[in-house]
C-alpha atoms as a PDB file:
ATOM      1  CA  MET A   1      81.660  99.449  81.168  1.00  0.00           C
ATOM      2  CA  THR A   2      82.046  98.093  84.674  1.00  0.00           C
ATOM      3  CA  TYR A   3      83.825  99.878  87.478  1.00  0.00           C
ATOM      4  CA  TYR A   4      86.620  97.289  87.323  1.00  0.00           C
ATOM      5  CA  GLN A   5      87.163  98.060  83.626  1.00  0.00           C
ATOM      6  CA  CYS A   6      87.174 101.794  84.408  1.00  0.00           C
ATOM      7  CA  LEU A   7      89.918 101.120  86.947  1.00  0.00           C
ATOM      8  CA  TYR A   8      91.893  99.285  84.273  1.00  0.00           C
ATOM      9  CA  CYS A   9      91.599 102.262  81.891  1.00  0.00           C
ATOM     10  CA  ARG A  10      92.539 104.700  84.621  1.00  0.00           C
ATOM     11  CA  ILE A  11      95.610 102.675  85.586  1.00  0.00           C
ATOM     12  CA  PHE A  12      96.583 102.291  81.911  1.00  0.00           C
ATOM     13  CA  ASN A  13      96.394 106.060  81.410  1.00  0.00           C
ATOM     14  CA  TYR A  14      98.336 106.624  84.624  1.00  0.00           C
ATOM     15  CA  PHE A  15     101.224 104.490  83.381  1.00  0.00           C
ATOM     16  CA  ASN A  16     101.076 106.093  79.918  1.00  0.00           C
ATOM     17  CA  PHE A  17     101.748 109.632  81.104  1.00  0.00           C
ATOM     18  CA  ASN A  18     104.103 110.527  78.221  1.00  0.00           C
ATOM     19  CA  GLY A  19     102.257 108.606  75.479  1.00  0.00           C
ATOM     20  CA  GLU A  20     105.387 106.890  74.184  1.00  0.00           C
ATOM     21  CA  ASN A  21     105.250 103.570  76.030  1.00  0.00           C
ATOM     22  CA  ASP A  22     104.618 100.197  74.406  1.00  0.00           C
ATOM     23  CA  LYS A  23     100.986  99.055  74.714  1.00  0.00           C
ATOM     24  CA  ILE A  24     101.909  95.507  75.728  1.00  0.00           C
ATOM     25  CA  ASN A  25     104.123  96.704  78.593  1.00  0.00           C
ATOM     26  CA  LEU A  26     101.437  99.157  79.703  1.00  0.00           C
ATOM     27  CA  ARG A  27      98.796  96.453  79.565  1.00  0.00           C
ATOM     28  CA  MET A  28     100.875  94.049  81.680  1.00  0.00           C
ATOM     29  CA  SER A  29     101.731  96.782  84.205  1.00  0.00           C
ATOM     30  CA  SER A  30      98.063  97.725  84.455  1.00  0.00           C
ATOM     31  CA  PHE A  31      97.050  94.112  85.025  1.00  0.00           C
ATOM     32  CA  GLY A  32      99.738  93.744  87.668  1.00  0.00           C
ATOM     33  CA  LEU A  33      98.433  96.684  89.666  1.00  0.00           C
ATOM     34  CA  LEU A  34      94.800  95.813  88.989  1.00  0.00           C
ATOM     35  CA  SER A  35      95.258  92.275  90.316  1.00  0.00           C
ATOM     36  CA  ILE A  36      96.714  93.561  93.587  1.00  0.00           C
ATOM     37  CA  LEU A  37      93.559  95.462  94.569  1.00  0.00           C
ATOM     38  CA  PRO A  38      91.155  92.494  94.815  1.00  0.00           C
ATOM     39  CA  THR A  39      93.946  90.379  96.304  1.00  0.00           C
ATOM     40  CA  VAL A  40      94.275  92.845  99.183  1.00  0.00           C
ATOM     41  CA  ASN A  41      90.506  92.647  99.713  1.00  0.00           C
ATOM     42  CA  ILE A  42      90.582  88.843  99.761  1.00  0.00           C
ATOM     43  CA  LEU A  43      93.558  88.789 102.111  1.00  0.00           C
ATOM     44  CA  THR A  44      91.870  91.286 104.445  1.00  0.00           C
ATOM     45  CA  VAL A  45      88.877  88.977 104.772  1.00  0.00           C
ATOM     46  CA  VAL A  46      91.137  85.931 105.219  1.00  0.00           C
ATOM     47  CA  TYR A  47      93.171  87.795 107.832  1.00  0.00           C
ATOM     48  CA  LEU A  48      90.018  88.689 109.746  1.00  0.00           C
ATOM     49  CA  ILE A  49      88.801  85.070 109.621  1.00  0.00           C
ATOM     50  CA  SER A  50      92.243  83.909 110.774  1.00  0.00           C
ATOM     51  CA  PHE A  51      92.041  86.242 113.738  1.00  0.00           C
ATOM     52  CA  ILE A  52      88.534  85.087 114.662  1.00  0.00           C
ATOM     53  CA  VAL A  53      89.368  81.362 114.542  1.00  0.00           C
ATOM     54  CA  LYS A  54      92.836  81.932 116.056  1.00  0.00           C
ATOM     55  CA  HIS A  55      94.631  80.048 113.311  1.00  0.00           C
ATOM     56  CA  THR A  56      96.362  81.328 110.166  1.00  0.00           C
ATOM     57  CA  ILE A  57      94.390  79.979 107.218  1.00  0.00           C
ATOM     58  CA  ILE A  58      96.772  80.541 104.290  1.00  0.00           C
ATOM     59  CA  ASN A  59     100.494  81.040 103.893  1.00  0.00           C
ATOM     60  CA  LYS A  60     102.371  83.476 101.668  1.00  0.00           C
ATOM     61  CA  TRP A  61     102.564  81.101  98.704  1.00  0.00           C
ATOM     62  CA  GLU A  62      98.814  80.624  98.655  1.00  0.00           C
ATOM     63  CA  ALA A  63      98.463  84.423  98.643  1.00  0.00           C
ATOM     64  CA  VAL A  64     100.825  84.599  95.661  1.00  0.00           C
ATOM     65  CA  GLY A  65      98.704  81.915  93.981  1.00  0.00           C
ATOM     66  CA  ILE A  66      95.553  84.002  94.529  1.00  0.00           C
ATOM     67  CA  ASP A  67      97.261  87.038  92.991  1.00  0.00           C
ATOM     68  CA  ALA A  68      98.511  85.015  90.008  1.00  0.00           C
ATOM     69  CA  THR A  69      95.036  83.583  89.451  1.00  0.00           C
ATOM     70  CA  ILE A  70      93.481  87.042  89.409  1.00  0.00           C
ATOM     71  CA  PHE A  71      96.244  88.248  87.054  1.00  0.00           C
ATOM     72  CA  VAL A  72      95.555  85.413  84.592  1.00  0.00           C
ATOM     73  CA  PHE A  73      91.815  86.031  84.881  1.00  0.00           C
ATOM     74  CA  ASN A  74      92.406  89.683  83.941  1.00  0.00           C
ATOM     75  CA  LEU A  75      94.516  88.641  80.966  1.00  0.00           C
ATOM     76  CA  LEU A  76      91.789  86.334  79.707  1.00  0.00           C
ATOM     77  CA  THR A  77      88.886  88.730  80.205  1.00  0.00           C
ATOM     78  CA  ILE A  78      90.454  91.932  78.850  1.00  0.00           C
ATOM     79  CA  THR A  79      92.073  91.068  75.539  1.00  0.00           C
ATOM     80  CA  THR A  80      94.139  93.510  73.478  1.00  0.00           C
ATOM     81  CA  GLU A  81      91.190  94.367  71.244  1.00  0.00           C
ATOM     82  CA  LYS A  82      88.857  94.813  74.205  1.00  0.00           C
ATOM     83  CA  SER A  83      91.499  96.956  75.905  1.00  0.00           C
ATOM     84  CA  ASP A  84      91.570  99.341  72.945  1.00  0.00           C
ATOM     85  CA  THR A  85      87.765  99.511  72.875  1.00  0.00           C
ATOM     86  CA  LEU A  86      87.543 100.145  76.616  1.00  0.00           C
ATOM     87  CA  ARG A  87      90.147 102.898  76.503  1.00  0.00           C
ATOM     88  CA  GLU A  88      88.356 104.613  73.617  1.00  0.00           C
ATOM     89  CA  GLU A  89      85.109 104.479  75.578  1.00  0.00           C
ATOM     90  CA  PHE A  90      86.882 105.773  78.693  1.00  0.00           C
ATOM     91  CA  GLU A  91      88.313 108.721  76.761  1.00  0.00           C
ATOM     92  CA  GLY A  92      84.761 109.675  75.772  1.00  0.00           C
ATOM     93  CA  PHE A  93      83.666 110.096  79.391  1.00  0.00           C
ATOM     94  CA  THR A  94      82.853 113.575  80.636  1.00  0.00           C
ATOM     95  CA  ILE A  95      85.044 115.252  83.225  1.00  0.00           C
ATOM     96  CA  ASP A  96      82.344 114.822  85.874  1.00  0.00           C
ATOM     97  CA  LYS A  97      82.134 111.081  85.247  1.00  0.00           C
ATOM     98  CA  LYS A  98      85.938 110.770  85.438  1.00  0.00           C
ATOM     99  CA  ARG A  99      85.919 112.697  88.723  1.00  0.00           C
ATOM    100  CA  LYS A 100      83.263 110.348  90.068  1.00  0.00           C
ATOM    101  CA  ILE A 101      85.406 107.352  89.059  1.00  0.00           C
ATOM    102  CA  ASN A 102      88.430 108.950  90.746  1.00  0.00           C
ATOM    103  CA  LEU A 103      86.414 109.532  93.919  1.00  0.00           C
ATOM    104  CA  LEU A 104      85.229 105.908  93.930  1.00  0.00           C
ATOM    105  CA  PHE A 105      88.762 104.677  93.274  1.00  0.00           C
ATOM    106  CA  TYR A 106      90.306 106.682  96.114  1.00  0.00           C
ATOM    107  CA  SER A 107      87.469 105.725  98.466  1.00  0.00           C
ATOM    108  CA  TYR A 108      87.920 102.054  97.575  1.00  0.00           C
ATOM    109  CA  VAL A 109      91.665 102.176  98.204  1.00  0.00           C
ATOM    110  CA  MET A 110      91.316 104.147 101.447  1.00  0.00           C
ATOM    111  CA  VAL A 111      88.662 101.836 102.927  1.00  0.00           C
ATOM    112  CA  THR A 112      90.660  98.768 101.930  1.00  0.00           C
ATOM    113  CA  MET A 113      93.875 100.096 103.459  1.00  0.00           C
ATOM    114  CA  ILE A 114      92.168 101.303 106.646  1.00  0.00           C
ATOM    115  CA  LEU A 115      90.572  97.881 107.155  1.00  0.00           C
ATOM    116  CA  LEU A 116      93.836  96.064 106.488  1.00  0.00           C
ATOM    117  CA  ILE A 117      95.851  98.321 108.798  1.00  0.00           C
ATOM    118  CA  THR A 118      93.213  98.117 111.549  1.00  0.00           C
ATOM    119  CA  ILE A 119      92.999  94.331 111.445  1.00  0.00           C
ATOM    120  CA  THR A 120      96.787  94.004 111.256  1.00  0.00           C
ATOM    121  CA  GLY A 121      97.298  96.399 114.162  1.00  0.00           C
ATOM    122  CA  TYR A 122      94.721  94.681 116.342  1.00  0.00           C
ATOM    123  CA  THR A 123      96.185  91.277 115.562  1.00  0.00           C
ATOM    124  CA  ALA A 124      99.691  92.501 116.412  1.00  0.00           C
ATOM    125  CA  TYR A 125      98.383  93.897 119.692  1.00  0.00           C
ATOM    126  CA  TYR A 126      96.596  90.639 120.487  1.00  0.00           C
ATOM    127  CA  LYS A 127      99.663  88.528 119.685  1.00  0.00           C
ATOM    128  CA  SER A 128     101.966  90.756 121.744  1.00  0.00           C
ATOM    129  CA  LYS A 129      99.622  90.574 124.743  1.00  0.00           C
ATOM    130  CA  TYR A 130      98.479  86.926 124.579  1.00  0.00           C
ATOM    131  CA  GLY A 131     101.173  85.267 122.460  1.00  0.00           C
ATOM    132  CA  ASN A 132     101.139  83.742 119.004  1.00  0.00           C
ATOM    133  CA  TYR A 133      98.022  81.649 118.471  1.00  0.00           C
ATOM    134  CA  ASP A 134      99.598  79.489 115.718  1.00  0.00           C
ATOM    135  CA  ARG A 135     101.931  77.613 118.067  1.00  0.00           C
END
């Protein structure tokens, strides 16, 4: 099981806190949240490149297209049957392994958000001091 699949199982279990939700709705909600994480990473890199070359590379609709592509990719790679198998395997993990996955997950999210906020803040500072570079 890859780390990405562990994240899917963790998100699925997070949404299924009372155990009474429909599996299809849970699966779609999990894919929605799971597709946002790599999209933020891609957009952070694109934002940094945009700042370096002083020109905005993509617009908001292209970002939505990236997110939709990742969402469809998740739907195609993790089928309903594979989802059940992955969740059964995830339930068999020891508490230490689940804690390690949680630590990796929180570290991943924190580093991603810190990078995004830092690049955004520096870009806002640069634009307020030197003007918008897209004009």
